[in-house]
């Protein structure tokens, strides 16, 4: 059985991360590998709240940073489970994006 692998695709907005994630996942699947993809923020309750507040532009940066961390924490079990199943996990953004966004908002990572 193949080893688990976690790949994070990072980049600026509209740089092709989602396209690359989908293409890489498809290529690996054609080679017989089990692949799970992850998008950050996710589509669970915390991720949806993060999106809604981010779009409003009315939430303090520190609150957004904490929500970002809470969202990542909420997704950890699903990611860990995929890795335990020896899947290749491809993340469309991960914690480095959060660090960059928060630093741009003046929050010390």
N, C-alpha and C. Protein backbone atom coordinates (compact mmCIF):
# COMPACT_ATOMS: atom_id res chain seq x y z
N UNK A 1 0.84 -1.17 0.00
CA UNK A 1 0.00 0.00 0.00
C UNK A 1 0.89 1.24 0.00
N UNK A 2 0.50 2.23 -0.78
CA UNK A 2 1.29 3.45 -0.90
C UNK A 2 1.22 4.26 0.39
N UNK A 3 2.25 5.04 0.62
CA UNK A 3 2.27 5.95 1.76
C UNK A 3 1.28 7.09 1.53
N UNK A 4 0.76 7.63 2.61
CA UNK A 4 -0.10 8.80 2.51
C UNK A 4 0.75 10.00 2.10
N UNK A 5 0.12 10.93 1.42
CA UNK A 5 0.83 12.13 0.97
C UNK A 5 -0.12 13.32 1.08
N UNK A 6 0.38 14.42 1.61
CA UNK A 6 -0.40 15.66 1.71
C UNK A 6 0.29 16.70 0.85
N UNK A 7 -0.46 17.27 -0.10
CA UNK A 7 0.07 18.29 -1.01
C UNK A 7 -0.79 19.54 -0.85
N UNK A 8 -0.18 20.66 -0.57
CA UNK A 8 -0.90 21.93 -0.47
C UNK A 8 -0.55 22.79 -1.67
N UNK A 9 -1.57 23.25 -2.36
CA UNK A 9 -1.40 24.15 -3.51
C UNK A 9 -1.68 25.56 -3.00
N UNK A 10 -0.68 26.42 -3.03
CA UNK A 10 -0.81 27.79 -2.54
C UNK A 10 -0.57 28.76 -3.68
N UNK A 11 -1.09 29.95 -3.55
CA UNK A 11 -0.88 30.98 -4.56
C UNK A 11 -1.84 32.13 -4.35
N UNK A 12 -1.61 33.20 -5.08
CA UNK A 12 -2.48 34.37 -4.98
C UNK A 12 -3.84 34.05 -5.59
N UNK A 13 -4.82 34.91 -5.31
CA UNK A 13 -6.16 34.72 -5.86
C UNK A 13 -6.10 34.64 -7.38
N UNK A 14 -6.90 33.73 -7.93
CA UNK A 14 -7.05 33.55 -9.38
C UNK A 14 -5.76 33.12 -10.07
N UNK A 15 -4.88 32.43 -9.35
CA UNK A 15 -3.62 31.99 -9.95
C UNK A 15 -3.69 30.57 -10.51
N UNK A 16 -4.83 29.91 -10.38
CA UNK A 16 -4.99 28.58 -10.95
C UNK A 16 -4.92 27.44 -9.95
N UNK A 17 -5.03 27.75 -8.66
CA UNK A 17 -4.93 26.71 -7.63
C UNK A 17 -6.01 25.65 -7.78
N UNK A 18 -7.25 26.07 -7.97
CA UNK A 18 -8.36 25.13 -8.09
C UNK A 18 -8.22 24.29 -9.34
N UNK A 19 -7.82 24.90 -10.45
CA UNK A 19 -7.60 24.16 -11.69
C UNK A 19 -6.47 23.15 -11.52
N UNK A 20 -5.38 23.56 -10.90
CA UNK A 20 -4.26 22.65 -10.68
C UNK A 20 -4.65 21.51 -9.75
N UNK A 21 -5.40 21.83 -8.70
CA UNK A 21 -5.85 20.79 -7.77
C UNK A 21 -6.67 19.74 -8.50
N UNK A 22 -7.62 20.17 -9.32
CA UNK A 22 -8.47 19.23 -10.06
C UNK A 22 -7.66 18.42 -11.07
N UNK A 23 -6.75 19.07 -11.78
CA UNK A 23 -5.93 18.37 -12.78
C UNK A 23 -5.01 17.35 -12.13
N UNK A 24 -4.38 17.73 -11.03
CA UNK A 24 -3.49 16.81 -10.33
C UNK A 24 -4.27 15.63 -9.77
N UNK A 25 -5.43 15.89 -9.18
CA UNK A 25 -6.26 14.81 -8.65
C UNK A 25 -6.66 13.84 -9.75
N UNK A 26 -7.07 14.37 -10.89
CA UNK A 26 -7.47 13.51 -12.01
C UNK A 26 -6.29 12.68 -12.52
N UNK A 27 -5.13 13.30 -12.64
CA UNK A 27 -3.95 12.57 -13.12
C UNK A 27 -3.56 11.45 -12.16
N UNK A 28 -3.61 11.72 -10.87
CA UNK A 28 -3.25 10.69 -9.89
C UNK A 28 -4.27 9.57 -9.87
N UNK A 29 -5.54 9.92 -10.03
CA UNK A 29 -6.59 8.88 -10.07
C UNK A 29 -6.41 7.97 -11.28
N UNK A 30 -6.01 8.53 -12.42
CA UNK A 30 -5.80 7.68 -13.60
C UNK A 30 -4.64 6.72 -13.40
N UNK A 31 -3.79 7.03 -12.44
CA UNK A 31 -2.67 6.14 -12.11
C UNK A 31 -3.02 5.18 -10.97
N UNK A 32 -4.30 5.17 -10.62
CA UNK A 32 -4.78 4.21 -9.64
C UNK A 32 -4.63 4.63 -8.19
N UNK A 33 -4.30 5.88 -7.95
CA UNK A 33 -4.15 6.34 -6.57
C UNK A 33 -5.48 6.85 -6.02
N UNK A 34 -5.70 6.63 -4.75
CA UNK A 34 -6.87 7.18 -4.07
C UNK A 34 -6.55 8.62 -3.70
N UNK A 35 -7.43 9.53 -4.07
CA UNK A 35 -7.17 10.96 -3.88
C UNK A 35 -8.36 11.61 -3.18
N UNK A 36 -8.07 12.47 -2.23
CA UNK A 36 -9.08 13.32 -1.59
C UNK A 36 -8.65 14.76 -1.80
N UNK A 37 -9.60 15.62 -2.13
CA UNK A 37 -9.28 17.04 -2.28
C UNK A 37 -9.91 17.82 -1.13
N UNK A 38 -9.29 18.94 -0.83
CA UNK A 38 -9.73 19.79 0.28
C UNK A 38 -9.61 21.24 -0.17
N UNK A 39 -10.63 22.01 0.10
CA UNK A 39 -10.60 23.44 -0.23
C UNK A 39 -10.74 24.23 1.06
N UNK A 40 -9.96 25.27 1.16
CA UNK A 40 -10.00 26.08 2.37
C UNK A 40 -10.40 27.51 2.03
N UNK A 41 -11.37 28.08 2.71
CA UNK A 41 -12.13 27.45 3.78
C UNK A 41 -13.08 26.39 3.23
N UNK A 42 -13.42 25.43 4.07
CA UNK A 42 -14.30 24.33 3.68
C UNK A 42 -15.75 24.78 3.61
N UNK A 43 -16.63 23.81 3.43
CA UNK A 43 -18.05 24.12 3.28
C UNK A 43 -18.87 23.70 4.48
N UNK A 44 -18.20 23.44 5.60
CA UNK A 44 -18.92 23.14 6.84
C UNK A 44 -19.44 24.42 7.47
N UNK A 45 -20.05 24.32 8.63
CA UNK A 45 -20.64 25.50 9.28
C UNK A 45 -19.63 26.63 9.54
N UNK A 46 -18.44 26.28 10.00
CA UNK A 46 -17.45 27.32 10.30
C UNK A 46 -16.94 27.96 9.01
N UNK A 47 -16.71 27.14 7.99
CA UNK A 47 -16.26 27.67 6.70
C UNK A 47 -17.28 28.60 6.07
N UNK A 48 -18.57 28.22 6.16
CA UNK A 48 -19.62 29.07 5.60
C UNK A 48 -19.73 30.38 6.36
N UNK A 49 -19.59 30.32 7.68
CA UNK A 49 -19.60 31.55 8.48
C UNK A 49 -18.42 32.43 8.10
N UNK A 50 -17.25 31.83 7.94
CA UNK A 50 -16.06 32.57 7.53
C UNK A 50 -16.32 33.28 6.20
N UNK A 51 -16.87 32.56 5.22
CA UNK A 51 -17.14 33.16 3.91
C UNK A 51 -18.10 34.34 4.02
N UNK A 52 -19.19 34.13 4.76
CA UNK A 52 -20.21 35.17 4.89
C UNK A 52 -19.63 36.42 5.55
N UNK A 53 -18.89 36.25 6.64
CA UNK A 53 -18.31 37.41 7.32
C UNK A 53 -17.23 38.07 6.49
N UNK A 54 -16.45 37.28 5.78
CA UNK A 54 -15.40 37.83 4.92
C UNK A 54 -16.02 38.68 3.82
N UNK A 55 -17.10 38.19 3.22
CA UNK A 55 -17.76 38.93 2.15
C UNK A 55 -18.38 40.23 2.65
N UNK A 56 -18.80 40.25 3.92
CA UNK A 56 -19.42 41.46 4.46
C UNK A 56 -18.40 42.57 4.66
N UNK A 57 -17.13 42.20 4.92
CA UNK A 57 -16.09 43.18 5.16
C UNK A 57 -16.25 43.93 6.47
N UNK A 58 -17.14 43.46 7.33
CA UNK A 58 -17.42 44.18 8.58
C UNK A 58 -16.90 43.47 9.82
N UNK A 59 -16.10 42.45 9.63
CA UNK A 59 -15.60 41.68 10.77
C UNK A 59 -14.14 42.07 11.03
N UNK A 60 -13.77 42.30 12.28
CA UNK A 60 -12.39 42.68 12.58
C UNK A 60 -11.40 41.60 12.13
N UNK A 61 -10.22 42.00 11.68
CA UNK A 61 -9.22 41.04 11.21
C UNK A 61 -8.87 39.95 12.23
N UNK A 62 -8.81 40.31 13.50
CA UNK A 62 -8.47 39.31 14.51
C UNK A 62 -9.55 38.24 14.58
N UNK A 63 -10.80 38.64 14.48
CA UNK A 63 -11.91 37.68 14.48
C UNK A 63 -11.81 36.76 13.27
N UNK A 64 -11.48 37.33 12.12
CA UNK A 64 -11.34 36.52 10.91
C UNK A 64 -10.20 35.53 11.05
N UNK A 65 -9.11 35.95 11.67
CA UNK A 65 -7.97 35.05 11.89
C UNK A 65 -8.37 33.90 12.80
N UNK A 66 -9.11 34.19 13.84
CA UNK A 66 -9.56 33.14 14.75
C UNK A 66 -10.53 32.19 14.07
N UNK A 67 -11.43 32.73 13.25
CA UNK A 67 -12.35 31.87 12.50
C UNK A 67 -11.60 30.99 11.51
N UNK A 68 -10.58 31.54 10.89
CA UNK A 68 -9.76 30.75 9.97
C UNK A 68 -9.12 29.58 10.69
N UNK A 69 -8.60 29.83 11.88
CA UNK A 69 -8.00 28.75 12.67
C UNK A 69 -9.05 27.74 13.11
N UNK A 70 -10.23 28.22 13.49
CA UNK A 70 -11.31 27.31 13.89
C UNK A 70 -11.74 26.44 12.72
N UNK A 71 -11.80 27.01 11.54
CA UNK A 71 -12.17 26.24 10.34
C UNK A 71 -11.14 25.16 10.06
N UNK A 72 -9.87 25.51 10.15
CA UNK A 72 -8.82 24.53 9.91
C UNK A 72 -8.90 23.40 10.93
N UNK A 73 -9.14 23.75 12.17
CA UNK A 73 -9.29 22.74 13.23
C UNK A 73 -10.49 21.83 12.93
N UNK A 74 -11.59 22.41 12.48
CA UNK A 74 -12.79 21.62 12.18
C UNK A 74 -12.54 20.61 11.06
N UNK A 75 -11.64 20.91 10.16
CA UNK A 75 -11.37 20.02 9.02
C UNK A 75 -10.30 18.97 9.31
N UNK A 76 -9.61 19.08 10.41
CA UNK A 76 -8.46 18.20 10.68
C UNK A 76 -8.82 16.72 10.72
N UNK A 77 -9.94 16.35 11.31
CA UNK A 77 -10.27 14.93 11.40
C UNK A 77 -10.51 14.33 10.02
N UNK A 78 -11.20 15.05 9.16
CA UNK A 78 -11.43 14.54 7.80
C UNK A 78 -10.12 14.37 7.05
N UNK A 79 -9.22 15.33 7.19
CA UNK A 79 -7.92 15.23 6.54
C UNK A 79 -7.11 14.07 7.12
N UNK A 80 -7.11 13.94 8.44
CA UNK A 80 -6.37 12.85 9.08
C UNK A 80 -6.93 11.50 8.68
N UNK A 81 -8.25 11.39 8.57
CA UNK A 81 -8.87 10.13 8.18
C UNK A 81 -8.45 9.74 6.76
N UNK A 82 -8.42 10.70 5.86
CA UNK A 82 -7.99 10.42 4.48
C UNK A 82 -6.54 9.95 4.46
N UNK A 83 -5.70 10.57 5.25
CA UNK A 83 -4.30 10.16 5.31
C UNK A 83 -4.14 8.77 5.93
N UNK A 84 -4.97 8.46 6.92
CA UNK A 84 -4.92 7.11 7.51
C UNK A 84 -5.33 6.05 6.49
N UNK A 85 -6.18 6.44 5.54
CA UNK A 85 -6.59 5.51 4.47
C UNK A 85 -5.56 5.49 3.34
N UNK A 86 -4.43 6.14 3.55
CA UNK A 86 -3.33 6.19 2.57
C UNK A 86 -3.75 6.88 1.28
N UNK A 87 -4.61 7.88 1.40
CA UNK A 87 -4.99 8.66 0.24
C UNK A 87 -3.99 9.79 0.03
N UNK A 88 -3.90 10.24 -1.20
CA UNK A 88 -3.18 11.46 -1.49
C UNK A 88 -4.18 12.59 -1.23
N UNK A 89 -3.86 13.49 -0.33
CA UNK A 89 -4.74 14.61 -0.02
C UNK A 89 -4.16 15.85 -0.69
N UNK A 90 -4.96 16.50 -1.52
CA UNK A 90 -4.53 17.71 -2.21
C UNK A 90 -5.38 18.86 -1.68
N UNK A 91 -4.72 19.83 -1.07
CA UNK A 91 -5.42 20.97 -0.48
C UNK A 91 -5.29 22.20 -1.37
N UNK A 92 -6.43 22.76 -1.72
CA UNK A 92 -6.51 24.03 -2.45
C UNK A 92 -6.47 25.12 -1.38
N UNK A 93 -5.28 25.57 -1.05
CA UNK A 93 -4.92 26.47 0.05
C UNK A 93 -4.78 25.65 1.33
N UNK A 94 -3.94 26.17 2.21
CA UNK A 94 -3.81 25.59 3.54
C UNK A 94 -3.34 26.71 4.46
N UNK A 95 -2.64 26.39 5.51
CA UNK A 95 -2.37 27.40 6.54
C UNK A 95 -1.48 28.54 6.06
N UNK A 96 -0.64 28.32 5.06
CA UNK A 96 0.23 29.41 4.59
C UNK A 96 -0.58 30.56 4.02
N UNK A 97 -1.69 30.26 3.36
CA UNK A 97 -2.55 31.33 2.87
C UNK A 97 -3.09 32.16 4.02
N UNK A 98 -3.50 31.47 5.07
CA UNK A 98 -4.01 32.18 6.25
C UNK A 98 -2.95 33.09 6.84
N UNK A 99 -1.73 32.58 6.95
CA UNK A 99 -0.65 33.41 7.48
C UNK A 99 -0.44 34.66 6.64
N UNK A 100 -0.48 34.50 5.33
CA UNK A 100 -0.28 35.65 4.44
C UNK A 100 -1.41 36.66 4.58
N UNK A 101 -2.66 36.17 4.58
CA UNK A 101 -3.79 37.08 4.72
C UNK A 101 -3.75 37.81 6.06
N UNK A 102 -3.47 37.09 7.12
CA UNK A 102 -3.46 37.71 8.44
C UNK A 102 -2.30 38.70 8.58
N UNK A 103 -1.15 38.37 8.04
CA UNK A 103 -0.02 39.30 8.08
C UNK A 103 -0.37 40.58 7.31
N UNK A 104 -1.07 40.43 6.19
CA UNK A 104 -1.47 41.61 5.41
C UNK A 104 -2.45 42.48 6.20
N UNK A 105 -3.20 41.86 7.11
CA UNK A 105 -4.13 42.61 7.97
C UNK A 105 -3.45 43.15 9.22
N UNK A 106 -2.13 42.95 9.33
CA UNK A 106 -1.40 43.48 10.47
C UNK A 106 -1.38 42.58 11.69
N UNK A 107 -1.78 41.32 11.51
CA UNK A 107 -1.79 40.37 12.62
C UNK A 107 -0.48 39.60 12.60
N UNK A 108 0.20 39.57 13.72
CA UNK A 108 1.47 38.85 13.82
C UNK A 108 1.19 37.35 13.85
N UNK A 109 1.67 36.63 12.82
CA UNK A 109 1.39 35.19 12.78
C UNK A 109 2.11 34.47 13.90
